[in-house]
């Protein structure tokens, strides 16, 4: 399964655009309930004004809100961005921490965001349980739960740690390109013959 995804998506890349760990942290927080494409439209101006934690920590909430308004939930996100920058300066010397405990202590940072930072920045084994991964893992029969924490725990046991982070990125790419939620292109899917959901639908057709 992992090898098929590797062949289909050789570059297991995050679609968020950034130049350093703090910018990835900010972009990931903005991506909550917002598309990566929209975030990538917003962050150039945001990072030009507040390129790092030091600048963001001293920002006025109203100015940040104006720059991120189109990402939605801009009041909460602005508060979190400024708060996380202040905490990174106060507790971590201006550097984004790498432990799960330290990352999830930052305002607005949950396990999904923390795992993305740990995997993409620090190259640690990580399972980023986003909506694409949860949906595809269920379709494949790897898990039978919509709970992100349970999906993460289950896939940690199933996946090669060295490949886990890239597997998650490839599932996102696959979910956008082929296994689309409302119109999956199963005929073009490299995982079709390994997919529990596809097998069930084929059996149902035979019965009919």
Protein backbone atom coordinates (compact mmCIF):
# COMPACT_ATOMS: atom_id res chain seq x y z
CA UNK A 1 0.00 0.00 0.00
CA UNK A 2 2.71 2.48 0.97
CA UNK A 3 4.76 1.51 -2.08
CA UNK A 4 1.80 2.08 -4.41
CA UNK A 5 1.28 5.54 -2.98
CA UNK A 6 5.00 6.25 -3.24
CA UNK A 7 4.91 5.33 -6.92
CA UNK A 8 1.83 7.46 -7.57
CA UNK A 9 3.06 10.46 -5.54
CA UNK A 10 6.87 10.46 -5.50
CA UNK A 11 7.02 13.80 -3.73
CA UNK A 12 5.26 13.54 -0.39
CA UNK A 13 5.06 17.26 0.20
CA UNK A 14 2.99 19.49 2.42
CA UNK A 15 0.90 21.84 0.31
CA UNK A 16 1.30 24.72 2.75
CA UNK A 17 4.00 27.21 1.72
CA UNK A 18 6.57 28.30 4.32
CA UNK A 19 10.26 29.02 4.76
CA UNK A 20 10.88 28.08 8.40
CA UNK A 21 9.30 26.11 11.28
CA UNK A 22 7.45 29.10 12.74
CA UNK A 23 5.86 29.91 9.40
CA UNK A 24 4.70 26.30 9.02
CA UNK A 25 3.21 26.47 12.51
CA UNK A 26 1.34 29.66 11.61
CA UNK A 27 0.14 28.32 8.26
CA UNK A 28 -1.09 25.10 9.84
CA UNK A 29 -3.07 27.02 12.47
CA UNK A 30 -4.64 29.12 9.72
CA UNK A 31 -5.58 26.00 7.75
CA UNK A 32 -8.09 24.85 10.35
CA UNK A 33 -11.50 24.86 8.62
CA UNK A 34 -9.89 26.59 5.65
CA UNK A 35 -8.28 25.31 2.46
CA UNK A 36 -4.51 25.19 2.04
CA UNK A 37 -4.92 27.13 -1.19
CA UNK A 38 -6.58 30.00 0.66
CA UNK A 39 -3.90 29.95 3.36
CA UNK A 40 -1.20 30.16 0.71
CA UNK A 41 -2.90 33.26 -0.69
CA UNK A 42 -2.95 34.90 2.74
CA UNK A 43 0.46 34.07 4.21
CA UNK A 44 2.75 36.06 1.84
CA UNK A 45 1.39 39.38 3.13
CA UNK A 46 1.21 38.05 6.71
CA UNK A 47 4.81 36.84 6.67
CA UNK A 48 6.03 40.00 4.99
CA UNK A 49 4.63 41.96 7.93
CA UNK A 50 5.37 39.41 10.67
CA UNK A 51 8.11 37.07 9.42
CA UNK A 52 8.97 35.43 12.72
CA UNK A 53 7.96 34.84 16.33
CA UNK A 54 9.55 38.07 17.55
CA UNK A 55 7.52 40.19 15.15
CA UNK A 56 4.28 38.23 15.66
CA UNK A 57 4.59 38.39 19.45
CA UNK A 58 4.36 42.18 19.37
CA UNK A 59 1.60 42.38 16.76
CA UNK A 60 -1.69 44.14 17.31
CA UNK A 61 -4.56 41.66 17.10
CA UNK A 62 -6.52 43.96 14.78
CA UNK A 63 -3.71 44.06 12.24
CA UNK A 64 -3.30 40.27 12.23
CA UNK A 65 -7.08 39.86 11.92
CA UNK A 66 -7.15 42.12 8.89
CA UNK A 67 -4.44 40.07 7.18
CA UNK A 68 -6.00 36.66 7.90
CA UNK A 69 -9.67 37.62 7.67
CA UNK A 70 -10.43 35.44 4.63
CA UNK A 71 -9.21 32.29 6.44
CA UNK A 72 -12.22 32.42 8.75
CA UNK A 73 -12.36 32.39 12.57
CA UNK A 74 -9.92 35.27 12.39
CA UNK A 75 -10.51 36.51 15.96
CA UNK A 76 -9.53 33.17 17.49
CA UNK A 77 -6.74 32.50 15.02
CA UNK A 78 -5.23 35.96 15.53
CA UNK A 79 -5.25 35.47 19.29
CA UNK A 80 -3.62 32.06 18.93
CA UNK A 81 -0.92 33.25 16.52
CA UNK A 82 0.13 36.08 18.82
CA UNK A 83 -0.10 33.85 21.90
CA UNK A 84 1.97 31.04 20.40
CA UNK A 85 4.64 33.53 19.29
CA UNK A 86 4.81 35.02 22.77
CA UNK A 87 5.11 31.57 24.37
CA UNK A 88 7.80 30.48 21.89
CA UNK A 89 9.83 33.56 22.83
CA UNK A 90 9.25 33.23 26.56
CA UNK A 91 9.72 29.48 26.95
CA UNK A 92 11.75 28.29 23.96
CA UNK A 93 14.17 31.07 23.11
CA UNK A 94 12.31 31.94 19.92
CA UNK A 95 12.60 28.43 18.46
CA UNK A 96 9.66 26.15 17.68
CA UNK A 97 9.88 23.20 20.12
CA UNK A 98 9.77 19.60 18.96
CA UNK A 99 8.21 17.57 21.78
CA UNK A 100 4.52 16.74 21.61
CA UNK A 101 3.99 18.13 25.11
CA UNK A 102 5.65 21.46 24.34
CA UNK A 103 3.93 21.87 21.00
CA UNK A 104 0.43 21.11 22.26
CA UNK A 105 0.96 23.57 25.12
CA UNK A 106 1.07 26.37 22.54
CA UNK A 107 -2.23 28.23 21.98
CA UNK A 108 -4.32 26.67 19.22
CA UNK A 109 -1.98 23.72 18.65
CA UNK A 110 -3.48 20.22 18.81
CA UNK A 111 -2.00 16.86 18.01
CA UNK A 112 -2.61 17.17 14.26
CA UNK A 113 -0.61 20.39 14.04
CA UNK A 114 2.04 19.08 16.44
CA UNK A 115 2.49 15.91 14.39
CA UNK A 116 2.88 17.91 11.19
CA UNK A 117 5.63 20.01 12.79
CA UNK A 118 7.33 16.95 14.26
CA UNK A 119 7.24 15.11 10.95
CA UNK A 120 8.01 17.87 8.46
CA UNK A 121 10.40 19.99 10.51
CA UNK A 122 12.12 17.51 12.79
CA UNK A 123 11.74 14.40 10.60
CA UNK A 124 10.31 12.40 13.48
CA UNK A 125 7.77 9.59 12.97
CA UNK A 126 4.34 11.20 12.91
CA UNK A 127 0.75 10.49 11.91
CA UNK A 128 -1.17 13.61 10.91
CA UNK A 129 -4.80 12.60 11.31
CA UNK A 130 -6.49 15.13 9.04
CA UNK A 131 -9.84 14.66 7.31
CA UNK A 132 -8.35 13.08 4.16
CA UNK A 133 -6.30 10.56 6.12
CA UNK A 134 -9.21 9.62 8.38
CA UNK A 135 -11.56 9.12 5.43
CA UNK A 136 -9.10 7.12 3.32
CA UNK A 137 -7.91 4.97 6.22
CA UNK A 138 -11.54 4.03 6.90
CA UNK A 139 -12.23 3.28 3.24
CA UNK A 140 -9.16 1.08 3.02
CA UNK A 141 -10.23 -0.80 6.14
CA UNK A 142 -7.17 0.21 8.13
CA UNK A 143 -9.35 1.74 10.85
CA UNK A 144 -13.02 1.85 11.73
CA UNK A 145 -13.33 5.12 13.59
CA UNK A 146 -13.65 8.82 12.85
CA UNK A 147 -11.87 9.77 16.06
CA UNK A 148 -8.55 11.45 15.13
CA UNK A 149 -6.76 10.23 18.27
CA UNK A 150 -7.83 6.62 17.66
CA UNK A 151 -6.86 6.83 13.99
CA UNK A 152 -3.44 8.16 14.98
CA UNK A 153 -2.87 5.38 17.52
CA UNK A 154 -4.00 2.66 15.10
CA UNK A 155 -1.84 3.87 12.23
CA UNK A 156 1.20 4.24 14.49
CA UNK A 157 0.93 0.49 15.06
CA UNK A 158 0.42 -0.32 11.38
CA UNK A 159 2.86 1.98 9.58
CA UNK A 160 6.62 1.85 9.26
CA UNK A 161 7.70 4.79 11.47
CA UNK A 162 10.18 5.98 8.84
CA UNK A 163 7.37 6.20 6.27
CA UNK A 164 4.45 7.31 8.42
CA UNK A 165 4.70 11.06 7.86
CA UNK A 166 5.07 10.72 4.09
CA UNK A 167 2.19 8.21 4.02
CA UNK A 168 -0.06 10.89 5.53
CA UNK A 169 1.00 13.49 2.97
CA UNK A 170 0.40 11.03 0.14
CA UNK A 171 -3.07 10.22 1.46
CA UNK A 172 -3.89 13.93 1.37
CA UNK A 173 -2.63 14.18 -2.21
CA UNK A 174 -4.58 11.04 -3.15
CA UNK A 175 -7.71 12.36 -1.46
CA UNK A 176 -7.54 15.53 -3.51
CA UNK A 177 -6.60 13.95 -6.83
CA UNK A 178 -8.40 10.58 -6.98
CA UNK A 179 -10.23 9.48 -3.83
CA UNK A 180 -12.36 12.60 -3.71
CA UNK A 181 -15.02 12.51 -1.00
CA UNK A 182 -18.14 12.99 -3.15
CA UNK A 183 -16.87 11.66 -6.47
CA UNK A 184 -14.15 9.04 -5.98
CA UNK A 185 -12.47 7.88 -9.19
CA UNK A 186 -12.08 4.26 -8.18
CA UNK A 187 -11.22 3.21 -11.73
CA UNK A 188 -8.09 5.36 -11.56
CA UNK A 189 -7.14 4.42 -8.00
CA UNK A 190 -3.81 2.71 -7.39
CA UNK A 191 -5.23 1.26 -4.16
CA UNK A 192 -8.54 -0.04 -5.52
CA UNK A 193 -7.71 -3.73 -5.30
CA UNK A 194 -6.53 -3.23 -1.71
CA UNK A 195 -9.52 -1.13 -0.67
CA UNK A 196 -12.14 -2.69 1.60
CA UNK A 197 -14.80 -0.19 0.55
CA UNK A 198 -14.20 -0.83 -3.16
CA UNK A 199 -14.38 -4.60 -2.58
CA UNK A 200 -17.68 -4.24 -0.74
CA UNK A 201 -19.18 -2.20 -3.57
CA UNK A 202 -18.02 -4.75 -6.14
CA UNK A 203 -19.59 -7.58 -4.13
CA UNK A 204 -22.84 -5.63 -3.86
CA UNK A 205 -22.93 -5.22 -7.65
CA UNK A 206 -22.47 -8.97 -8.14
CA UNK A 207 -25.36 -9.70 -5.79
CA UNK A 208 -27.61 -7.35 -7.75
